Amino acid sequence: MALQFYSLFKRRDKRQHCREKETKKAGSTRITRIPMDEDDGFEDAGTGTPLSAIAEAFEELSSCLKSNGYDDLRLKPFCDACSLVSVLFGCLGIAFKFAELEYVSKVRDLAEASEVFGSLNSILDYDVRSDTVRTPGSLSRNLRRVRQGLDLIRALFQNFLSTYDDSLKEAASMAYAKVCAPYHTWAVRTAVSADLSRATEP
């Protein structure tokens, strides 16, 4: 799980980063958090990487929203940007395979709907008029699941960047507990927890 995820970044100085981490673990003095922009052990992903493509796509969406006064968002560009995020789920291993399959499926359904509906508001208005907002498989529910997937990835990165150690397993566990666990059954939560406990770190 971790090796695939770390491949999305480029190390600035792997040896230096490892020495700092070992010192923090072995030392008995108070740990001082080093700001990410000063020495985080990673450098900007640069152009041509999955992260840079995702960032550019969502920055473009943000610009479009600003240009129309945050009134609405075109559905097709939204789906195009969301489809790029699926590669991140694929890097998280079997513990998040369920999330990857569901996310990809819902994005695909919304992409197909973009041939009929032009914007996010239009699909919401349609389901409201049809009284199908809560109907399984409706576009509104698909949109909610896609948003949940995006929230999961956002929480994972926030946790990953805010911890003292670069533990992907811990960041993923915290992200799942916050975003997905409240909506999952006990059986699903137990399965995810077991998969995460078997995950290995580099």
Protein backbone atom coordinates (compact mmCIF):
# COMPACT_ATOMS: atom_id res chain seq x y z
CA MET A 1 0.00 0.00 0.00
CA ALA A 2 2.60 2.52 1.10
CA LEU A 3 5.12 2.00 -1.68
CA GLN A 4 2.53 2.71 -4.36
CA PHE A 5 1.37 5.82 -2.53
CA TYR A 6 4.88 7.16 -1.99
CA SER A 7 5.59 6.76 -5.71
CA LEU A 8 3.28 9.73 -6.27
CA PHE A 9 5.89 11.94 -4.61
CA LYS A 10 9.52 12.66 -5.35
CA ARG A 11 12.02 12.49 -2.49
CA ARG A 12 14.20 15.57 -2.04
CA ASP A 13 16.73 13.85 0.22
CA LYS A 14 15.65 10.42 1.35
CA ARG A 15 18.68 9.81 3.57
CA GLN A 16 18.31 13.10 5.39
CA HIS A 17 14.60 12.49 5.91
CA CYS A 18 15.26 9.05 7.41
CA ARG A 19 17.91 10.38 9.80
CA GLU A 20 15.57 13.02 11.09
CA LYS A 21 12.81 10.49 11.63
CA GLU A 22 15.12 8.14 13.55
CA THR A 23 16.33 10.97 15.76
CA LYS A 24 12.79 11.94 16.62
CA LYS A 25 11.91 8.37 17.55
CA ALA A 26 15.04 7.69 19.60
CA GLY A 27 15.37 11.05 21.31
CA SER A 28 13.77 11.79 24.65
CA THR A 29 13.48 15.53 24.11
CA ARG A 30 10.36 17.27 22.93
CA ILE A 31 9.57 16.80 19.25
CA THR A 32 9.50 20.01 17.24
CA ARG A 33 7.38 19.89 14.12
CA ILE A 34 9.32 21.11 11.08
CA PRO A 35 7.11 23.16 8.72
CA MET A 36 6.30 21.28 5.54
CA ASP A 37 7.60 24.05 3.30
CA GLU A 38 10.99 24.07 5.00
CA ASP A 39 11.97 20.42 5.24
CA ASP A 40 9.24 17.85 4.80
CA GLY A 41 11.32 15.26 2.98
CA PHE A 42 9.21 15.61 -0.15
CA GLU A 43 9.34 18.04 -3.01
CA ASP A 44 6.65 19.27 -5.37
CA ALA A 45 5.38 16.43 -7.52
CA GLY A 46 6.15 18.47 -10.62
CA THR A 47 4.48 18.19 -13.98
CA GLY A 48 3.44 14.93 -15.53
CA THR A 49 2.61 13.16 -12.25
CA PRO A 50 -0.86 11.99 -11.13
CA LEU A 51 -0.91 14.56 -8.34
CA SER A 52 -0.04 17.45 -10.64
CA ALA A 53 -2.75 16.41 -13.11
CA ILE A 54 -5.32 16.25 -10.29
CA ALA A 55 -4.24 19.61 -8.91
CA GLU A 56 -4.45 21.29 -12.30
CA ALA A 57 -7.90 19.82 -13.02
CA PHE A 58 -9.39 20.98 -9.72
CA GLU A 59 -7.72 24.39 -9.95
CA GLU A 60 -9.42 24.77 -13.31
CA LEU A 61 -12.76 23.83 -11.74
CA SER A 62 -12.15 26.41 -9.03
CA SER A 63 -11.47 29.08 -11.64
CA CYS A 64 -14.69 28.19 -13.47
CA LEU A 65 -16.67 28.48 -10.24
CA LYS A 66 -15.16 31.86 -9.46
CA SER A 67 -15.88 33.14 -12.96
CA ASN A 68 -19.61 32.43 -12.67
CA GLY A 69 -19.93 33.68 -9.11
CA TYR A 70 -19.98 30.20 -7.55
CA ASP A 71 -23.44 29.71 -9.03
CA ASP A 72 -23.02 26.25 -10.59
CA LEU A 73 -20.46 23.77 -11.88
CA ARG A 74 -20.46 22.08 -15.26
CA LEU A 75 -20.93 18.33 -14.88
CA LYS A 76 -18.54 17.04 -17.56
CA PRO A 77 -15.43 18.94 -16.37
CA PHE A 78 -16.30 17.88 -12.83
CA CYS A 79 -16.43 14.21 -13.88
CA ASP A 80 -13.20 14.55 -15.84
CA ALA A 81 -11.41 15.91 -12.76
CA CYS A 82 -12.92 13.29 -10.46
CA SER A 83 -11.87 10.47 -12.77
CA LEU A 84 -8.23 11.43 -12.23
CA VAL A 85 -8.57 10.81 -8.48
CA SER A 86 -9.26 7.09 -8.95
CA VAL A 87 -5.51 6.43 -9.27
CA LEU A 88 -5.09 7.49 -5.64
CA PHE A 89 -7.56 4.85 -4.44
CA GLY A 90 -5.62 2.29 -6.42
CA CYS A 91 -2.49 3.17 -4.44
CA LEU A 92 -4.14 2.48 -1.07
CA GLY A 93 -4.31 -1.28 -1.41
CA ILE A 94 -6.98 -3.85 -0.65
CA ALA A 95 -8.26 -2.02 2.44
CA PHE A 96 -9.77 0.64 0.21
CA LYS A 97 -10.69 -1.53 -2.75
CA PHE A 98 -14.38 -1.17 -1.89
CA ALA A 99 -14.03 2.62 -1.98
CA GLU A 100 -12.19 2.50 -5.30
CA LEU A 101 -14.82 0.32 -6.98
CA GLU A 102 -17.70 2.42 -5.72
CA TYR A 103 -16.02 5.71 -6.55
CA VAL A 104 -15.13 4.67 -10.11
CA SER A 105 -18.65 3.33 -10.68
CA LYS A 106 -20.37 6.50 -9.47
CA VAL A 107 -18.07 8.79 -11.46
CA ARG A 108 -18.77 6.73 -14.57
CA ASP A 109 -22.54 7.02 -14.01
CA LEU A 110 -22.26 10.78 -13.61
CA ALA A 111 -20.06 11.03 -16.72
CA GLU A 112 -22.74 9.23 -18.73
CA ALA A 113 -25.35 11.58 -17.29
CA SER A 114 -23.29 14.59 -18.44
CA GLU A 115 -24.51 13.86 -21.97
CA VAL A 116 -27.99 14.86 -20.80
CA PHE A 117 -27.41 17.16 -17.83
CA GLY A 118 -25.14 20.14 -18.13
CA SER A 119 -24.40 20.95 -14.50
CA LEU A 120 -24.47 19.66 -10.94
CA ASN A 121 -27.49 21.80 -10.12
CA SER A 122 -29.41 20.37 -13.04
CA ILE A 123 -29.13 16.79 -11.79
CA LEU A 124 -30.11 17.87 -8.28
CA ASP A 125 -33.11 19.79 -9.62
CA TYR A 126 -34.13 16.76 -11.67
CA ASP A 127 -34.05 14.41 -8.68
CA VAL A 128 -35.91 16.92 -6.51
CA ARG A 129 -38.68 17.22 -9.10
CA SER A 130 -38.79 13.44 -9.52
CA ASP A 131 -38.65 12.82 -5.76
CA THR A 132 -35.70 10.47 -6.29
CA VAL A 133 -33.04 12.22 -4.23
CA ARG A 134 -32.93 9.34 -1.74
CA THR A 135 -33.53 6.59 -4.31
CA PRO A 136 -30.61 4.12 -4.62
CA GLY A 137 -28.81 4.69 -7.89
CA SER A 138 -30.14 8.21 -8.38
CA LEU A 139 -27.75 10.83 -9.68
CA SER A 140 -27.99 12.76 -6.43
CA ARG A 141 -26.90 9.72 -4.43
CA ASN A 142 -24.13 9.04 -6.92
CA LEU A 143 -22.93 12.60 -6.50
CA ARG A 144 -22.96 12.20 -2.72
CA ARG A 145 -20.84 9.04 -2.94
CA VAL A 146 -18.34 10.77 -5.23
CA ARG A 147 -18.12 13.67 -2.80
CA GLN A 148 -17.52 11.21 0.03
CA GLY A 149 -14.68 9.66 -1.97
CA LEU A 150 -13.12 13.07 -2.51
CA ASP A 151 -13.53 13.85 1.19
CA LEU A 152 -11.75 10.60 2.05
CA ILE A 153 -8.75 11.45 -0.11
CA ARG A 154 -8.66 15.00 1.24
CA ALA A 155 -8.75 13.77 4.85
CA LEU A 156 -6.02 11.22 4.12
CA PHE A 157 -3.66 13.86 2.75
CA GLN A 158 -4.46 16.27 5.59
CA ASN A 159 -3.68 13.56 8.15
CA PHE A 160 -0.57 12.44 6.28
CA LEU A 161 0.84 15.97 6.19
CA SER A 162 -0.06 16.91 9.77
CA THR A 163 1.40 13.93 11.66
CA TYR A 164 4.90 13.78 13.16
CA ASP A 165 5.67 10.58 11.29
CA ASP A 166 4.98 9.65 7.67
CA SER A 167 2.66 6.75 8.58
CA LEU A 168 0.30 6.15 5.70
CA LYS A 169 -1.53 3.43 7.61
CA GLU A 170 -2.32 5.79 10.48
CA ALA A 171 -3.39 8.57 8.12
CA ALA A 172 -5.64 6.20 6.18
CA SER A 173 -7.20 4.79 9.36
CA MET A 174 -8.00 8.26 10.67
CA ALA A 175 -9.43 9.36 7.32
CA TYR A 176 -11.67 6.30 7.09
CA ALA A 177 -12.90 6.70 10.67
CA LYS A 178 -13.84 10.32 10.04
CA VAL A 179 -15.35 10.15 6.55
CA CYS A 180 -16.68 6.66 5.82
CA ALA A 181 -17.07 4.68 9.04
CA PRO A 182 -20.17 6.59 10.27
CA TYR A 183 -22.06 5.41 7.16
CA HIS A 184 -20.84 1.80 7.05
CA THR A 185 -22.17 -1.30 8.74
CA TRP A 186 -20.28 -3.05 11.50
CA ALA A 187 -19.22 -5.80 9.08
CA VAL A 188 -17.69 -3.33 6.61
CA ARG A 189 -15.93 -1.37 9.37
CA THR A 190 -14.49 -4.60 10.78
CA ALA A 191 -13.24 -5.74 7.38
CA VAL A 192 -11.57 -2.41 6.65
CA SER A 193 -9.97 -2.36 10.10
CA ALA A 194 -8.57 -5.85 9.58
CA ASP A 195 -7.17 -4.94 6.16
CA LEU A 196 -5.57 -1.79 7.53
CA SER A 197 -3.98 -3.70 10.40
CA ARG A 198 -2.28 -5.99 7.88
CA ALA A 199 -0.99 -3.10 5.80
CA THR A 200 2.77 -2.59 5.89
CA GLU A 201 4.76 0.60 5.97
CA PRO A 202 8.08 1.18 4.16
